[in-house]
């Protein structure tokens, strides 16, 4: 019974609005992975140091604002409509940390 309760609590945490409490890595795995793991629509692949270097050089604030507002083929918030600016910053920081 305890395992069921824990499982239900975990499932509820991943429901709508859960992105607010999720880490950058969790948001990446739920939302950003589709494009940033495959390079879809020209998205820089996480871990591709050469692709990320010029982006990282622009600064974290620029990267976060582009993620918030959309840039080139990337839609605003990368389709994570419920994500706050803090959530977007966390996921950008995660992707940058994996791409240095």
C-alpha atoms as a PDB file:
ATOM      1  CA  UNK A   1       0.000   0.000   0.000  1.00  0.00           C
ATOM      2  CA  UNK A   2       2.840   2.369   0.844  1.00  0.00           C
ATOM      3  CA  UNK A   3       4.432   1.799  -2.592  1.00  0.00           C
ATOM      4  CA  UNK A   4       1.099   2.616  -4.228  1.00  0.00           C
ATOM      5  CA  UNK A   5       0.836   5.866  -2.268  1.00  0.00           C
ATOM      6  CA  UNK A   6       4.384   6.840  -3.219  1.00  0.00           C
ATOM      7  CA  UNK A   7       3.698   5.982  -6.858  1.00  0.00           C
ATOM      8  CA  UNK A   8       0.519   8.064  -6.887  1.00  0.00           C
ATOM      9  CA  UNK A   9       2.323  10.995  -5.288  1.00  0.00           C
ATOM     10  CA  UNK A  10       5.076  10.780  -7.900  1.00  0.00           C
ATOM     11  CA  UNK A  11       2.536  10.606 -10.718  1.00  0.00           C
ATOM     12  CA  UNK A  12       0.723  13.647  -9.342  1.00  0.00           C
ATOM     13  CA  UNK A  13       4.003  15.553  -9.178  1.00  0.00           C
ATOM     14  CA  UNK A  14       4.530  14.952 -12.893  1.00  0.00           C
ATOM     15  CA  UNK A  15       1.070  16.240 -13.827  1.00  0.00           C
ATOM     16  CA  UNK A  16       0.168  19.705 -15.155  1.00  0.00           C
ATOM     17  CA  UNK A  17       2.087  22.365 -13.309  1.00  0.00           C
ATOM     18  CA  UNK A  18       4.791  19.960 -12.206  1.00  0.00           C
ATOM     19  CA  UNK A  19       7.335  21.757 -14.345  1.00  0.00           C
ATOM     20  CA  UNK A  20       7.304  24.501 -11.711  1.00  0.00           C
ATOM     21  CA  UNK A  21       8.829  22.109  -9.186  1.00  0.00           C
ATOM     22  CA  UNK A  22      10.949  20.115 -11.620  1.00  0.00           C
ATOM     23  CA  UNK A  23      14.700  20.446 -11.998  1.00  0.00           C
ATOM     24  CA  UNK A  24      16.301  21.648 -15.202  1.00  0.00           C
ATOM     25  CA  UNK A  25      17.264  18.082 -16.045  1.00  0.00           C
ATOM     26  CA  UNK A  26      13.704  16.841 -15.498  1.00  0.00           C
ATOM     27  CA  UNK A  27      12.234  19.574 -17.692  1.00  0.00           C
ATOM     28  CA  UNK A  28      14.832  18.811 -20.371  1.00  0.00           C
ATOM     29  CA  UNK A  29      13.870  15.126 -20.318  1.00  0.00           C
ATOM     30  CA  UNK A  30      10.135  15.925 -20.471  1.00  0.00           C
ATOM     31  CA  UNK A  31      10.065  18.806 -22.955  1.00  0.00           C
ATOM     32  CA  UNK A  32      13.374  19.777 -24.564  1.00  0.00           C
ATOM     33  CA  UNK A  33      14.800  16.331 -25.319  1.00  0.00           C
ATOM     34  CA  UNK A  34      12.786  15.870 -28.517  1.00  0.00           C
ATOM     35  CA  UNK A  35      14.695  18.600 -30.353  1.00  0.00           C
ATOM     36  CA  UNK A  36      17.887  19.105 -28.330  1.00  0.00           C
ATOM     37  CA  UNK A  37      18.846  15.416 -28.346  1.00  0.00           C
ATOM     38  CA  UNK A  38      18.238  14.965 -32.069  1.00  0.00           C
ATOM     39  CA  UNK A  39      19.085  18.355 -33.554  1.00  0.00           C
ATOM     40  CA  UNK A  40      15.548  18.703 -34.931  1.00  0.00           C
ATOM     41  CA  UNK A  41      14.830  22.036 -36.630  1.00  0.00           C
ATOM     42  CA  UNK A  42      18.446  23.092 -36.149  1.00  0.00           C
ATOM     43  CA  UNK A  43      18.391  22.850 -32.346  1.00  0.00           C
ATOM     44  CA  UNK A  44      21.891  22.491 -30.913  1.00  0.00           C
ATOM     45  CA  UNK A  45      22.327  18.997 -29.490  1.00  0.00           C
ATOM     46  CA  UNK A  46      23.074  18.884 -25.789  1.00  0.00           C
ATOM     47  CA  UNK A  47      26.703  17.867 -25.404  1.00  0.00           C
ATOM     48  CA  UNK A  48      27.788  19.299 -28.779  1.00  0.00           C
ATOM     49  CA  UNK A  49      30.470  21.678 -27.534  1.00  0.00           C
ATOM     50  CA  UNK A  50      31.116  23.231 -30.945  1.00  0.00           C
ATOM     51  CA  UNK A  51      27.433  24.034 -31.489  1.00  0.00           C
ATOM     52  CA  UNK A  52      26.958  25.441 -28.002  1.00  0.00           C
ATOM     53  CA  UNK A  53      30.197  27.476 -27.702  1.00  0.00           C
ATOM     54  CA  UNK A  54      28.997  30.553 -29.656  1.00  0.00           C
ATOM     55  CA  UNK A  55      25.657  30.419 -27.854  1.00  0.00           C
ATOM     56  CA  UNK A  56      27.291  30.163 -24.430  1.00  0.00           C
ATOM     57  CA  UNK A  57      29.526  33.106 -25.362  1.00  0.00           C
ATOM     58  CA  UNK A  58      26.404  35.283 -25.687  1.00  0.00           C
ATOM     59  CA  UNK A  59      25.720  34.871 -21.977  1.00  0.00           C
ATOM     60  CA  UNK A  60      23.154  33.106 -19.865  1.00  0.00           C
ATOM     61  CA  UNK A  61      20.690  36.023 -19.856  1.00  0.00           C
ATOM     62  CA  UNK A  62      20.563  36.041 -23.670  1.00  0.00           C
ATOM     63  CA  UNK A  63      20.064  32.270 -23.801  1.00  0.00           C
ATOM     64  CA  UNK A  64      17.253  32.435 -21.244  1.00  0.00           C
ATOM     65  CA  UNK A  65      15.488  35.310 -23.025  1.00  0.00           C
ATOM     66  CA  UNK A  66      15.683  33.492 -26.356  1.00  0.00           C
ATOM     67  CA  UNK A  67      14.285  30.358 -24.742  1.00  0.00           C
ATOM     68  CA  UNK A  68      11.503  32.383 -23.098  1.00  0.00           C
ATOM     69  CA  UNK A  69      10.531  34.314 -26.233  1.00  0.00           C
ATOM     70  CA  UNK A  70      11.391  31.795 -28.931  1.00  0.00           C
ATOM     71  CA  UNK A  71      14.229  32.050 -31.426  1.00  0.00           C
ATOM     72  CA  UNK A  72      14.443  30.853 -35.024  1.00  0.00           C
ATOM     73  CA  UNK A  73      12.486  27.561 -35.146  1.00  0.00           C
ATOM     74  CA  UNK A  74      12.224  27.250 -31.354  1.00  0.00           C
ATOM     75  CA  UNK A  75       8.802  28.256 -30.031  1.00  0.00           C
ATOM     76  CA  UNK A  76       8.486  30.356 -26.859  1.00  0.00           C
ATOM     77  CA  UNK A  77       9.405  28.315 -23.794  1.00  0.00           C
ATOM     78  CA  UNK A  78      10.109  25.401 -26.132  1.00  0.00           C
ATOM     79  CA  UNK A  79       6.417  24.435 -25.824  1.00  0.00           C
ATOM     80  CA  UNK A  80       6.569  24.287 -22.001  1.00  0.00           C
ATOM     81  CA  UNK A  81       3.726  26.746 -21.541  1.00  0.00           C
ATOM     82  CA  UNK A  82       3.461  26.143 -17.806  1.00  0.00           C
ATOM     83  CA  UNK A  83       7.183  26.759 -17.217  1.00  0.00           C
ATOM     84  CA  UNK A  84       8.158  29.894 -15.340  1.00  0.00           C
ATOM     85  CA  UNK A  85      11.213  31.971 -16.195  1.00  0.00           C
ATOM     86  CA  UNK A  86      13.006  30.243 -13.299  1.00  0.00           C
ATOM     87  CA  UNK A  87      12.155  26.856 -14.836  1.00  0.00           C
ATOM     88  CA  UNK A  88      13.467  27.967 -18.230  1.00  0.00           C
ATOM     89  CA  UNK A  89      16.647  29.308 -16.622  1.00  0.00           C
ATOM     90  CA  UNK A  90      17.132  25.966 -14.839  1.00  0.00           C
ATOM     91  CA  UNK A  91      16.772  23.953 -18.039  1.00  0.00           C
ATOM     92  CA  UNK A  92      19.080  26.298 -19.980  1.00  0.00           C
ATOM     93  CA  UNK A  93      21.658  26.041 -17.187  1.00  0.00           C
ATOM     94  CA  UNK A  94      21.369  22.248 -17.328  1.00  0.00           C
ATOM     95  CA  UNK A  95      21.853  22.127 -21.115  1.00  0.00           C
ATOM     96  CA  UNK A  96      24.804  24.534 -20.934  1.00  0.00           C
ATOM     97  CA  UNK A  97      26.430  22.507 -18.140  1.00  0.00           C
ATOM     98  CA  UNK A  98      26.207  19.397 -20.321  1.00  0.00           C
ATOM     99  CA  UNK A  99      27.646  21.211 -23.342  1.00  0.00           C
ATOM    100  CA  UNK A 100      30.846  22.840 -22.061  1.00  0.00           C
END
